Amino acid sequence: RYGVHIQDGYFFHSLLYSKKDLSTMSKTSYKKLGSPASHGCIRMLEDDIKWMFDKCLAGTRVYVMDCKKDQELHDKYMPEPLD
């Protein structure tokens, strides 16, 4: 639904959906949040990527960190598990 270009073919983008309807979110895509699952893009929750899409102008500097090195930070930002 939303995407913000990082560099080359890499993006911050929303989770995957099979249709434009939000109820068609891929549970597999959701469950892979916070772990490597692609060739470099960073998947984000809908509210987070929409904020970035709306607020970050082209050229905004963004730092990508490996939160697994900081377990407390990692746990704080992981979404609730799906049933």
C-alpha atoms as a PDB file:
ATOM      1  CA  ARG A   1       0.000   0.000   0.000  1.00  0.00           C
ATOM      2  CA  TYR A   2       2.819   2.415   0.840  1.00  0.00           C
ATOM      3  CA  GLY A   3       6.462   2.506  -0.084  1.00  0.00           C
ATOM      4  CA  VAL A   4       9.394   4.850   0.475  1.00  0.00           C
ATOM      5  CA  HIS A   5      12.418   4.486  -1.776  1.00  0.00           C
ATOM      6  CA  ILE A   6      15.727   3.947   0.025  1.00  0.00           C
ATOM      7  CA  GLN A   7      18.270   3.428  -2.732  1.00  0.00           C
ATOM      8  CA  ASP A   8      18.545   1.422  -5.950  1.00  0.00           C
ATOM      9  CA  GLY A   9      15.755  -1.197  -5.824  1.00  0.00           C
ATOM     10  CA  TYR A  10      15.294  -1.070  -2.052  1.00  0.00           C
ATOM     11  CA  PHE A  11      12.289   0.320  -0.216  1.00  0.00           C
ATOM     12  CA  PHE A  12      10.627   0.637   3.151  1.00  0.00           C
ATOM     13  CA  HIS A  13       7.165  -0.720   2.396  1.00  0.00           C
ATOM     14  CA  SER A  14       3.961  -1.983   3.949  1.00  0.00           C
ATOM     15  CA  LEU A  15       3.205  -5.632   4.460  1.00  0.00           C
ATOM     16  CA  LEU A  16       2.002  -7.637   1.493  1.00  0.00           C
ATOM     17  CA  TYR A  17      -1.686  -7.815   0.599  1.00  0.00           C
ATOM     18  CA  SER A  18      -3.378 -10.007  -1.988  1.00  0.00           C
ATOM     19  CA  LYS A  19      -5.859  -7.191  -2.844  1.00  0.00           C
ATOM     20  CA  LYS A  20      -6.313  -3.507  -1.982  1.00  0.00           C
ATOM     21  CA  ASP A  21      -8.564  -4.581   0.905  1.00  0.00           C
ATOM     22  CA  LEU A  22      -6.704  -4.417   4.258  1.00  0.00           C
ATOM     23  CA  SER A  23      -8.337  -7.673   5.353  1.00  0.00           C
ATOM     24  CA  THR A  24      -6.212  -9.520   2.762  1.00  0.00           C
ATOM     25  CA  MET A  25      -2.890  -8.915   4.570  1.00  0.00           C
ATOM     26  CA  SER A  26      -0.412 -11.757   4.207  1.00  0.00           C
ATOM     27  CA  LYS A  27       0.005 -13.434   7.603  1.00  0.00           C
ATOM     28  CA  THR A  28       3.329 -14.819   6.395  1.00  0.00           C
ATOM     29  CA  SER A  29       4.548 -11.276   5.668  1.00  0.00           C
ATOM     30  CA  TYR A  30       3.392 -10.153   9.128  1.00  0.00           C
ATOM     31  CA  LYS A  31       5.089 -13.068  10.897  1.00  0.00           C
ATOM     32  CA  LYS A  32       8.392 -12.232   9.186  1.00  0.00           C
ATOM     33  CA  LEU A  33       8.518  -8.683  10.593  1.00  0.00           C
ATOM     34  CA  GLY A  34      11.829  -8.153  12.358  1.00  0.00           C
ATOM     35  CA  SER A  35      13.634 -10.905  10.490  1.00  0.00           C
ATOM     36  CA  PRO A  36      15.391 -11.168   7.125  1.00  0.00           C
ATOM     37  CA  ALA A  37      12.876 -12.289   4.507  1.00  0.00           C
ATOM     38  CA  SER A  38      13.748 -10.503   1.284  1.00  0.00           C
ATOM     39  CA  HIS A  39      16.617  -9.123  -0.739  1.00  0.00           C
ATOM     40  CA  GLY A  40      16.937  -5.869   1.181  1.00  0.00           C
ATOM     41  CA  CYS A  41      13.558  -4.136   1.445  1.00  0.00           C
ATOM     42  CA  ILE A  42      12.254  -3.418   4.941  1.00  0.00           C
ATOM     43  CA  ARG A  43       8.643  -4.356   5.696  1.00  0.00           C
ATOM     44  CA  MET A  44       6.774  -2.186   8.158  1.00  0.00           C
ATOM     45  CA  LEU A  45       3.373  -2.051   9.812  1.00  0.00           C
ATOM     46  CA  GLU A  46       0.759   0.052   8.027  1.00  0.00           C
ATOM     47  CA  ASP A  47       0.730   2.983  10.490  1.00  0.00           C
ATOM     48  CA  ASP A  48       4.541   3.178  10.587  1.00  0.00           C
ATOM     49  CA  ILE A  49       5.127   3.201   6.830  1.00  0.00           C
ATOM     50  CA  LYS A  50       2.230   5.619   6.283  1.00  0.00           C
ATOM     51  CA  TRP A  51       3.850   8.011   8.777  1.00  0.00           C
ATOM     52  CA  MET A  52       7.166   7.732   6.938  1.00  0.00           C
ATOM     53  CA  PHE A  53       5.424   8.136   3.561  1.00  0.00           C
ATOM     54  CA  ASP A  54       3.629  11.292   4.755  1.00  0.00           C
ATOM     55  CA  LYS A  55       6.441  12.928   6.778  1.00  0.00           C
ATOM     56  CA  CYS A  56       9.829  12.059   5.222  1.00  0.00           C
ATOM     57  CA  LEU A  57      10.875  14.202   2.299  1.00  0.00           C
ATOM     58  CA  ALA A  58      13.187  12.965  -0.439  1.00  0.00           C
ATOM     59  CA  GLY A  59      16.756  13.039   0.842  1.00  0.00           C
ATOM     60  CA  THR A  60      15.804  12.450   4.489  1.00  0.00           C
ATOM     61  CA  ARG A  61      18.671  10.584   6.142  1.00  0.00           C
ATOM     62  CA  VAL A  62      17.607   7.310   7.744  1.00  0.00           C
ATOM     63  CA  TYR A  63      19.756   4.922   9.744  1.00  0.00           C
ATOM     64  CA  VAL A  64      18.932   1.222   9.668  1.00  0.00           C
ATOM     65  CA  MET A  65      20.075  -0.651  12.766  1.00  0.00           C
ATOM     66  CA  ASP A  66      20.280  -4.315  13.649  1.00  0.00           C
ATOM     67  CA  CYS A  67      17.975  -4.362  16.678  1.00  0.00           C
ATOM     68  CA  LYS A  68      18.742  -8.011  17.376  1.00  0.00           C
ATOM     69  CA  LYS A  69      21.951  -6.720  18.952  1.00  0.00           C
ATOM     70  CA  ASP A  70      19.758  -4.910  21.496  1.00  0.00           C
ATOM     71  CA  GLN A  71      17.149  -7.447  22.637  1.00  0.00           C
ATOM     72  CA  GLU A  72      15.223  -4.920  24.764  1.00  0.00           C
ATOM     73  CA  LEU A  73      14.836  -2.545  21.786  1.00  0.00           C
ATOM     74  CA  HIS A  74      13.907  -5.449  19.490  1.00  0.00           C
ATOM     75  CA  ASP A  75      11.226  -6.708  21.886  1.00  0.00           C
ATOM     76  CA  LYS A  76       9.785  -3.210  22.422  1.00  0.00           C
ATOM     77  CA  TYR A  77       9.007  -2.706  18.725  1.00  0.00           C
ATOM     78  CA  MET A  78       7.924  -6.185  17.678  1.00  0.00           C
ATOM     79  CA  PRO A  79       4.190  -6.354  16.901  1.00  0.00           C
ATOM     80  CA  GLU A  80       1.752  -8.623  18.716  1.00  0.00           C
ATOM     81  CA  PRO A  81       1.695 -12.210  17.402  1.00  0.00           C
ATOM     82  CA  LEU A  82      -1.174 -13.210  15.136  1.00  0.00           C
ATOM     83  CA  ASP A  83      -3.500 -16.009  16.185  1.00  0.00           C
END
